[in-house]
Each structure stands twice: as structure tokens, then as C-alpha cells.
Amino acid sequence: MNADERSDENTIGKMLQSVDVLVVPVLLKDLGGDSFSVTDSRPYWYNEGTSEDDKTFDPKRSDEVVAFPRGNLWTEYLKSDIETANKQGFNVLEKGFTIVVKKNGKILRRISGLPNWGDFIGSMEVLDGSKFGMPGDSEKYGGP
């Protein structure tokens, strides 16, 4: 999302913004057994995730569409999703996972690992605002 290893200009952050998407990178800490906690991902996002070899990596490239989890409620919010994924054979603490939440709070999609940003943005462009269930979205996006 923040790398520029593509042949054209990296516009993923701008494209996510155009389809009203907010990305919340959550860093999970394995506490052993089935226990985990959500830790502050901001330091990793801005500092620890880069190296001198990442010349085209700009962690601020997508600041407009990134928010960081705060507080302990994220651990509780993710608990059932992580338990379900583990029962299905996915190790979310190792591979990660993506949850797409609609504006009305309903889960749109769950996938293992990181999303393919191009496909993700394309599918979000297809959905108009009225499908997300927010009043006033029909005027902004069209639809019933």
C-alpha cells in the first residue's frame, strides 16, 4: 500500500480514499494458547516496518485512509473472528487477515492475509453507498 514498486505511480491511498475506505492496521500479540492482545501498530507502521533498502517506501503515503486502533475494545471486537479463523485452519497471528466492515457495522467480507488492493478497490467501486446502509449515501453515490 505504501511501497512504490509498481511500474506506474502508486495511487492506492488516493484510490482507497475515493471509495470511502478506512484502513485500520491491527498488530496482534500472541499471549500463548488462544490468547492475544491488540498492540499499538503506529510505531511499526512508521518506523519499524522500513529499512534502508526500502528507498521507495513512504509510510505517510496513505495517511488520509489509515487510522490506528486505540483502547482495549479492539481485542474484544476481534476475538470471535480470530477464533473462527483458527477453527477453519487459518493462523491469523502468523499470516494475518482482513475484515471489511460496512459503514453500518456489518461484516462485508473476511479474508486470510492481505487484500489484493487493486481487486479490493475495484469491488468497492461497484458498490454504491446505498448498499452500505447509511442515510444520505444515495444522494452522494446514486441509487435507490
N, C-alpha and C. Protein backbone atom coordinates (compact mmCIF):
# COMPACT_ATOMS: atom_id res chain seq x y z
N MET A 1 0.82 -1.19 0.00
CA MET A 1 0.00 0.00 0.00
C MET A 1 0.87 1.25 0.00
N ASN A 2 2.00 1.21 0.68
CA ASN A 2 2.87 2.38 0.76
C ASN A 2 4.13 2.26 -0.07
N ALA A 3 4.36 1.10 -0.67
CA ALA A 3 5.56 0.91 -1.49
C ALA A 3 5.30 1.45 -2.89
N ASP A 4 6.36 1.71 -3.61
CA ASP A 4 6.23 2.21 -4.97
C ASP A 4 7.00 1.30 -5.92
N GLU A 5 6.74 0.01 -5.79
CA GLU A 5 7.44 -0.97 -6.60
C GLU A 5 6.65 -1.31 -7.86
N ARG A 6 5.65 -0.50 -8.16
CA ARG A 6 4.85 -0.72 -9.34
C ARG A 6 5.45 0.05 -10.51
N SER A 7 5.05 -0.31 -11.72
CA SER A 7 5.59 0.37 -12.90
C SER A 7 4.99 1.76 -13.07
N ASP A 8 3.79 1.98 -12.55
CA ASP A 8 3.18 3.30 -12.63
C ASP A 8 3.19 3.95 -11.24
N GLU A 9 2.64 5.13 -11.13
CA GLU A 9 2.61 5.84 -9.85
C GLU A 9 1.70 5.09 -8.87
N ASN A 10 2.12 4.98 -7.62
CA ASN A 10 1.33 4.31 -6.59
C ASN A 10 0.22 5.25 -6.14
N THR A 11 -1.00 4.92 -6.50
CA THR A 11 -2.15 5.74 -6.14
C THR A 11 -3.12 4.98 -5.24
N ILE A 12 -2.66 3.91 -4.62
CA ILE A 12 -3.57 3.09 -3.82
C ILE A 12 -4.23 3.90 -2.70
N GLY A 13 -3.47 4.72 -1.99
CA GLY A 13 -4.05 5.54 -0.93
C GLY A 13 -5.14 6.46 -1.45
N LYS A 14 -4.89 7.12 -2.57
CA LYS A 14 -5.88 8.02 -3.17
C LYS A 14 -7.11 7.24 -3.64
N MET A 15 -6.87 6.07 -4.21
CA MET A 15 -7.98 5.25 -4.69
C MET A 15 -8.84 4.73 -3.54
N LEU A 16 -8.21 4.34 -2.44
CA LEU A 16 -8.97 3.91 -1.26
C LEU A 16 -9.82 5.06 -0.72
N GLN A 17 -9.26 6.25 -0.74
CA GLN A 17 -9.99 7.42 -0.27
C GLN A 17 -11.20 7.68 -1.17
N SER A 18 -11.04 7.49 -2.47
CA SER A 18 -12.14 7.76 -3.40
C SER A 18 -13.31 6.80 -3.24
N VAL A 19 -13.08 5.63 -2.67
CA VAL A 19 -14.17 4.67 -2.44
C VAL A 19 -14.56 4.62 -0.96
N ASP A 20 -14.20 5.66 -0.22
CA ASP A 20 -14.59 5.81 1.19
C ASP A 20 -14.16 4.63 2.06
N VAL A 21 -12.89 4.24 1.95
CA VAL A 21 -12.37 3.14 2.75
C VAL A 21 -11.40 3.69 3.79
N LEU A 22 -11.49 3.16 4.98
CA LEU A 22 -10.57 3.48 6.05
C LEU A 22 -9.85 2.18 6.43
N VAL A 23 -8.54 2.19 6.42
CA VAL A 23 -7.74 1.01 6.75
C VAL A 23 -7.25 1.15 8.19
N VAL A 24 -7.48 0.10 8.99
CA VAL A 24 -7.02 0.08 10.37
C VAL A 24 -6.05 -1.09 10.52
N PRO A 25 -4.74 -0.83 10.45
CA PRO A 25 -3.78 -1.91 10.62
C PRO A 25 -3.68 -2.30 12.10
N VAL A 26 -4.03 -3.52 12.40
CA VAL A 26 -4.05 -4.01 13.78
C VAL A 26 -2.90 -4.97 13.96
N LEU A 27 -2.12 -4.76 14.99
CA LEU A 27 -0.99 -5.63 15.31
C LEU A 27 -1.38 -6.51 16.50
N LEU A 28 -1.37 -7.82 16.28
CA LEU A 28 -1.78 -8.77 17.32
C LEU A 28 -0.56 -9.34 18.01
N LYS A 29 -0.62 -9.41 19.32
CA LYS A 29 0.45 -10.00 20.11
C LYS A 29 -0.04 -11.34 20.66
N ASP A 30 0.69 -12.39 20.36
CA ASP A 30 0.34 -13.73 20.82
C ASP A 30 0.71 -13.85 22.29
N LEU A 31 -0.29 -14.14 23.12
CA LEU A 31 -0.07 -14.30 24.56
C LEU A 31 -0.01 -15.76 24.96
N GLY A 32 0.01 -16.65 23.98
CA GLY A 32 0.07 -18.08 24.24
C GLY A 32 -1.31 -18.69 24.31
N GLY A 33 -1.40 -19.95 23.95
CA GLY A 33 -2.70 -20.61 23.93
C GLY A 33 -3.59 -19.96 22.90
N ASP A 34 -4.80 -19.66 23.30
CA ASP A 34 -5.74 -18.98 22.40
C ASP A 34 -5.83 -17.49 22.73
N SER A 35 -4.90 -16.98 23.52
CA SER A 35 -4.97 -15.59 23.96
C SER A 35 -4.11 -14.68 23.08
N PHE A 36 -4.60 -13.48 22.90
CA PHE A 36 -3.88 -12.46 22.14
C PHE A 36 -4.29 -11.10 22.67
N SER A 37 -3.56 -10.09 22.28
CA SER A 37 -3.96 -8.73 22.59
C SER A 37 -3.62 -7.85 21.39
N VAL A 38 -4.32 -6.75 21.26
CA VAL A 38 -4.04 -5.77 20.22
C VAL A 38 -3.03 -4.79 20.77
N THR A 39 -1.93 -4.62 20.05
CA THR A 39 -0.90 -3.68 20.48
C THR A 39 -0.87 -2.50 19.53
N ASP A 40 -0.20 -1.45 19.93
CA ASP A 40 -0.14 -0.23 19.14
C ASP A 40 0.64 -0.48 17.85
N SER A 41 -0.01 -0.36 16.71
CA SER A 41 0.63 -0.62 15.42
C SER A 41 1.28 0.63 14.82
N ARG A 42 1.03 1.80 15.39
CA ARG A 42 1.57 3.05 14.84
C ARG A 42 3.09 3.06 14.77
N PRO A 43 3.83 2.67 15.83
CA PRO A 43 5.29 2.69 15.74
C PRO A 43 5.82 1.75 14.64
N TYR A 44 5.21 0.58 14.51
CA TYR A 44 5.65 -0.35 13.47
C TYR A 44 5.37 0.22 12.09
N TRP A 45 4.20 0.79 11.91
CA TRP A 45 3.80 1.34 10.62
C TRP A 45 4.77 2.42 10.16
N TYR A 46 5.17 3.30 11.07
CA TYR A 46 6.01 4.44 10.68
C TYR A 46 7.51 4.20 10.80
N ASN A 47 7.94 3.33 11.68
CA ASN A 47 9.38 3.19 11.93
C ASN A 47 9.92 1.79 11.68
N GLU A 48 9.41 0.83 12.41
CA GLU A 48 10.00 -0.49 12.40
C GLU A 48 9.76 -1.26 11.11
N GLY A 49 8.76 -0.86 10.32
CA GLY A 49 8.45 -1.58 9.10
C GLY A 49 9.32 -1.18 7.92
N THR A 50 10.22 -0.23 8.11
CA THR A 50 11.04 0.23 7.00
C THR A 50 12.51 -0.08 7.26
N SER A 51 13.28 -0.11 6.20
CA SER A 51 14.71 -0.29 6.31
C SER A 51 15.38 0.60 5.25
N GLU A 52 16.69 0.66 5.27
CA GLU A 52 17.41 1.47 4.30
C GLU A 52 17.21 0.95 2.88
N ASP A 53 16.86 -0.32 2.73
CA ASP A 53 16.63 -0.90 1.41
C ASP A 53 15.30 -0.46 0.81
N ASP A 54 14.41 0.07 1.64
CA ASP A 54 13.09 0.49 1.18
C ASP A 54 13.13 1.93 0.68
N LYS A 55 13.83 2.17 -0.39
CA LYS A 55 14.01 3.53 -0.89
C LYS A 55 12.71 4.14 -1.41
N THR A 56 11.80 3.32 -1.92
CA THR A 56 10.56 3.87 -2.46
C THR A 56 9.39 3.73 -1.50
N PHE A 57 9.64 3.27 -0.29
CA PHE A 57 8.59 3.08 0.70
C PHE A 57 8.34 4.39 1.43
N ASP A 58 7.11 4.85 1.43
CA ASP A 58 6.74 6.08 2.13
C ASP A 58 5.57 5.79 3.05
N PRO A 59 5.81 5.63 4.36
CA PRO A 59 4.73 5.25 5.28
C PRO A 59 3.65 6.32 5.41
N LYS A 60 3.92 7.53 4.96
CA LYS A 60 2.92 8.59 5.06
C LYS A 60 2.08 8.72 3.79
N ARG A 61 2.37 7.88 2.80
CA ARG A 61 1.68 7.93 1.51
C ARG A 61 0.17 7.75 1.65
N SER A 62 -0.26 6.99 2.62
CA SER A 62 -1.69 6.69 2.76
C SER A 62 -2.28 7.23 4.05
N ASP A 63 -1.68 8.28 4.60
CA ASP A 63 -2.17 8.83 5.87
C ASP A 63 -3.66 9.19 5.86
N GLU A 64 -4.18 9.60 4.70
CA GLU A 64 -5.59 10.01 4.63
C GLU A 64 -6.56 8.86 4.85
N VAL A 65 -6.10 7.63 4.64
CA VAL A 65 -7.02 6.49 4.74
C VAL A 65 -6.62 5.50 5.84
N VAL A 66 -5.67 5.87 6.69
CA VAL A 66 -5.22 4.96 7.74
C VAL A 66 -5.55 5.53 9.11
N ALA A 67 -6.12 4.68 9.95
CA ALA A 67 -6.38 5.03 11.34
C ALA A 67 -5.84 3.89 12.19
N PHE A 68 -5.43 4.18 13.38
CA PHE A 68 -4.83 3.16 14.24
C PHE A 68 -5.76 2.82 15.39
N PRO A 69 -5.78 1.53 15.76
CA PRO A 69 -6.66 1.12 16.86
C PRO A 69 -6.23 1.73 18.18
N ARG A 70 -7.23 2.10 18.97
CA ARG A 70 -6.94 2.66 20.30
C ARG A 70 -7.82 1.96 21.31
N GLY A 71 -7.26 1.68 22.45
CA GLY A 71 -8.04 1.09 23.53
C GLY A 71 -8.12 -0.42 23.46
N ASN A 72 -8.68 -0.99 24.48
CA ASN A 72 -8.75 -2.44 24.63
C ASN A 72 -9.96 -3.07 23.94
N LEU A 73 -10.88 -2.27 23.44
CA LEU A 73 -12.07 -2.84 22.83
C LEU A 73 -11.77 -3.59 21.53
N TRP A 74 -10.66 -3.27 20.89
CA TRP A 74 -10.29 -3.97 19.65
C TRP A 74 -10.03 -5.45 19.92
N THR A 75 -9.42 -5.78 21.04
CA THR A 75 -9.18 -7.19 21.37
C THR A 75 -10.51 -7.92 21.46
N GLU A 76 -11.47 -7.35 22.14
CA GLU A 76 -12.78 -7.96 22.29
C GLU A 76 -13.51 -8.04 20.95
N TYR A 77 -13.41 -6.98 20.14
CA TYR A 77 -14.07 -6.93 18.83
C TYR A 77 -13.56 -8.04 17.91
N LEU A 78 -12.27 -8.31 17.92
CA LEU A 78 -11.66 -9.27 17.01
C LEU A 78 -11.68 -10.71 17.51
N LYS A 79 -11.99 -10.90 18.78
CA LYS A 79 -11.88 -12.22 19.40
C LYS A 79 -12.65 -13.30 18.63
N SER A 80 -13.91 -13.08 18.34
CA SER A 80 -14.70 -14.12 17.68
C SER A 80 -14.22 -14.37 16.25
N ASP A 81 -13.78 -13.34 15.54
CA ASP A 81 -13.26 -13.52 14.19
C ASP A 81 -11.98 -14.35 14.20
N ILE A 82 -11.13 -14.10 15.16
CA ILE A 82 -9.87 -14.86 15.25
C ILE A 82 -10.15 -16.30 15.64
N GLU A 83 -11.08 -16.52 16.58
CA GLU A 83 -11.44 -17.89 16.96
C GLU A 83 -12.01 -18.65 15.77
N THR A 84 -12.88 -18.01 15.00
CA THR A 84 -13.47 -18.64 13.82
C THR A 84 -12.41 -18.98 12.79
N ALA A 85 -11.51 -18.04 12.52
CA ALA A 85 -10.44 -18.27 11.54
C ALA A 85 -9.54 -19.42 11.98
N ASN A 86 -9.20 -19.47 13.26
CA ASN A 86 -8.36 -20.55 13.77
C ASN A 86 -9.05 -21.90 13.63
N LYS A 87 -10.35 -21.96 13.89
CA LYS A 87 -11.11 -23.21 13.74
C LYS A 87 -11.14 -23.66 12.28
N GLN A 88 -11.05 -22.69 11.35
CA GLN A 88 -11.06 -23.01 9.92
C GLN A 88 -9.65 -23.31 9.39
N GLY A 89 -8.66 -23.33 10.29
CA GLY A 89 -7.31 -23.69 9.88
C GLY A 89 -6.41 -22.54 9.48
N PHE A 90 -6.84 -21.30 9.70
CA PHE A 90 -6.02 -20.14 9.37
C PHE A 90 -5.28 -19.66 10.62
N ASN A 91 -4.00 -19.44 10.50
CA ASN A 91 -3.22 -18.91 11.61
C ASN A 91 -3.11 -17.40 11.42
N VAL A 92 -4.07 -16.67 11.97
CA VAL A 92 -4.11 -15.22 11.75
C VAL A 92 -2.97 -14.49 12.44
N LEU A 93 -2.43 -15.09 13.50
CA LEU A 93 -1.30 -14.45 14.18
C LEU A 93 -0.04 -14.53 13.32
N GLU A 94 0.04 -15.52 12.46
CA GLU A 94 1.20 -15.68 11.59
C GLU A 94 0.99 -15.01 10.23
N LYS A 95 -0.17 -15.24 9.62
CA LYS A 95 -0.42 -14.76 8.26
C LYS A 95 -1.21 -13.46 8.21
N GLY A 96 -1.97 -13.18 9.24
CA GLY A 96 -2.82 -12.00 9.25
C GLY A 96 -4.16 -12.29 8.58
N PHE A 97 -5.06 -11.33 8.66
CA PHE A 97 -6.34 -11.45 7.97
C PHE A 97 -6.93 -10.07 7.79
N THR A 98 -7.91 -10.00 6.91
CA THR A 98 -8.55 -8.74 6.57
C THR A 98 -10.04 -8.89 6.84
N ILE A 99 -10.60 -7.91 7.52
CA ILE A 99 -12.04 -7.86 7.75
C ILE A 99 -12.52 -6.56 7.11
N VAL A 100 -13.51 -6.68 6.26
CA VAL A 100 -14.10 -5.50 5.63
C VAL A 100 -15.43 -5.25 6.32
N VAL A 101 -15.53 -4.09 6.98
CA VAL A 101 -16.71 -3.73 7.74
C VAL A 101 -17.42 -2.59 7.00
N LYS A 102 -18.72 -2.78 6.77
CA LYS A 102 -19.51 -1.75 6.11
C LYS A 102 -19.74 -0.57 7.07
N LYS A 103 -20.19 0.53 6.51
CA LYS A 103 -20.44 1.72 7.33
C LYS A 103 -21.48 1.48 8.41
N ASN A 104 -22.39 0.53 8.19
CA ASN A 104 -23.43 0.26 9.19
C ASN A 104 -22.96 -0.73 10.24
N GLY A 105 -21.67 -1.14 10.19
CA GLY A 105 -21.11 -2.03 11.19
C GLY A 105 -21.17 -3.50 10.85
N LYS A 106 -21.85 -3.87 9.79
CA LYS A 106 -21.96 -5.27 9.38
C LYS A 106 -20.69 -5.69 8.64
N ILE A 107 -20.32 -6.96 8.80
CA ILE A 107 -19.14 -7.50 8.13
C ILE A 107 -19.49 -7.79 6.67
N LEU A 108 -18.72 -7.22 5.76
CA LEU A 108 -18.91 -7.45 4.33
C LEU A 108 -18.13 -8.67 3.88
N ARG A 109 -16.88 -8.80 4.35
CA ARG A 109 -16.02 -9.89 3.90
C ARG A 109 -14.90 -10.12 4.90
N ARG A 110 -14.48 -11.39 5.00
CA ARG A 110 -13.30 -11.77 5.79
C ARG A 110 -12.40 -12.57 4.87
N ILE A 111 -11.11 -12.24 4.84
CA ILE A 111 -10.17 -12.99 4.03
C ILE A 111 -8.88 -13.19 4.80
N SER A 112 -8.19 -14.27 4.50
CA SER A 112 -6.91 -14.56 5.13
C SER A 112 -5.83 -13.74 4.44
N GLY A 113 -4.93 -13.18 5.20
CA GLY A 113 -3.83 -12.40 4.64
C GLY A 113 -4.24 -11.00 4.24
N LEU A 114 -3.37 -10.35 3.46
CA LEU A 114 -3.64 -9.00 2.99
C LEU A 114 -4.50 -9.03 1.74
N PRO A 115 -5.30 -7.99 1.52
CA PRO A 115 -6.10 -7.96 0.30
C PRO A 115 -5.25 -7.61 -0.91
N ASN A 116 -5.72 -8.04 -2.07
CA ASN A 116 -5.16 -7.55 -3.32
C ASN A 116 -5.80 -6.18 -3.52
N TRP A 117 -5.03 -5.12 -3.30
CA TRP A 117 -5.60 -3.77 -3.25
C TRP A 117 -6.33 -3.40 -4.52
N GLY A 118 -5.81 -3.76 -5.68
CA GLY A 118 -6.47 -3.42 -6.94
C GLY A 118 -7.84 -4.06 -7.05
N ASP A 119 -7.93 -5.35 -6.75
CA ASP A 119 -9.22 -6.05 -6.79
C ASP A 119 -10.17 -5.50 -5.73
N PHE A 120 -9.63 -5.22 -4.55
CA PHE A 120 -10.44 -4.70 -3.46
C PHE A 120 -11.07 -3.36 -3.85
N ILE A 121 -10.26 -2.46 -4.38
CA ILE A 121 -10.75 -1.14 -4.79
C ILE A 121 -11.79 -1.28 -5.89
N GLY A 122 -11.53 -2.18 -6.85
CA GLY A 122 -12.49 -2.41 -7.93
C GLY A 122 -13.84 -2.87 -7.42
N SER A 123 -13.84 -3.78 -6.44
CA SER A 123 -15.11 -4.27 -5.90
C SER A 123 -15.81 -3.19 -5.10
N MET A 124 -15.06 -2.32 -4.44
CA MET A 124 -15.67 -1.23 -3.67
C MET A 124 -16.27 -0.18 -4.60
N GLU A 125 -15.68 0.01 -5.77
CA GLU A 125 -16.23 0.97 -6.74
C GLU A 125 -17.58 0.51 -7.26
N VAL A 126 -17.79 -0.80 -7.32
CA VAL A 126 -19.04 -1.36 -7.82
C VAL A 126 -20.17 -1.12 -6.83
N LEU A 127 -19.86 -1.18 -5.55
CA LEU A 127 -20.88 -1.00 -4.52
C LEU A 127 -21.21 0.48 -4.38
N ASP A 128 -22.47 0.83 -4.53
CA ASP A 128 -22.82 2.23 -4.29
C ASP A 128 -23.12 2.42 -2.82
N GLY A 129 -23.19 3.66 -2.40
CA GLY A 129 -23.36 3.98 -0.98
C GLY A 129 -24.61 3.42 -0.36
N SER A 130 -25.69 3.29 -1.14
CA SER A 130 -26.94 2.80 -0.56
C SER A 130 -26.80 1.37 -0.08
N LYS A 131 -25.88 0.61 -0.66
CA LYS A 131 -25.66 -0.77 -0.23
C LYS A 131 -25.02 -0.81 1.16
N PHE A 132 -24.39 0.28 1.57
CA PHE A 132 -23.75 0.32 2.88
C PHE A 132 -24.74 0.71 3.97
N GLY A 133 -25.92 1.13 3.59
CA GLY A 133 -26.97 1.36 4.57
C GLY A 133 -26.87 2.66 5.35
N MET A 134 -26.20 3.66 4.81
CA MET A 134 -26.10 4.92 5.52
C MET A 134 -27.04 5.94 4.90
N PRO A 135 -27.86 6.63 5.71
CA PRO A 135 -28.74 7.66 5.18
C PRO A 135 -27.94 8.74 4.45
N GLY A 136 -28.46 9.17 3.33
CA GLY A 136 -27.80 10.24 2.57
C GLY A 136 -26.81 9.74 1.54
N ASP A 137 -26.42 8.46 1.62
CA ASP A 137 -25.45 7.94 0.65
C ASP A 137 -26.02 7.87 -0.75
N SER A 138 -27.34 7.69 -0.87
CA SER A 138 -27.95 7.61 -2.19
C SER A 138 -27.72 8.90 -2.97
N GLU A 139 -27.80 10.04 -2.28
CA GLU A 139 -27.57 11.31 -2.95
C GLU A 139 -26.11 11.44 -3.39
N LYS A 140 -25.20 10.94 -2.58
CA LYS A 140 -23.78 11.06 -2.90
C LYS A 140 -23.36 10.10 -3.99
N TYR A 141 -23.86 8.86 -3.93
CA TYR A 141 -23.39 7.81 -4.83
C TYR A 141 -24.41 7.41 -5.90
N GLY A 142 -25.63 7.84 -5.77
CA GLY A 142 -26.68 7.38 -6.69
C GLY A 142 -27.33 6.14 -6.15
N GLY A 143 -28.36 5.71 -6.78
CA GLY A 143 -29.04 4.50 -6.34
C GLY A 143 -30.40 4.81 -5.77
N PRO A 144 -31.06 3.79 -5.21
CA PRO A 144 -32.44 3.97 -4.71
C PRO A 144 -32.52 4.89 -3.52
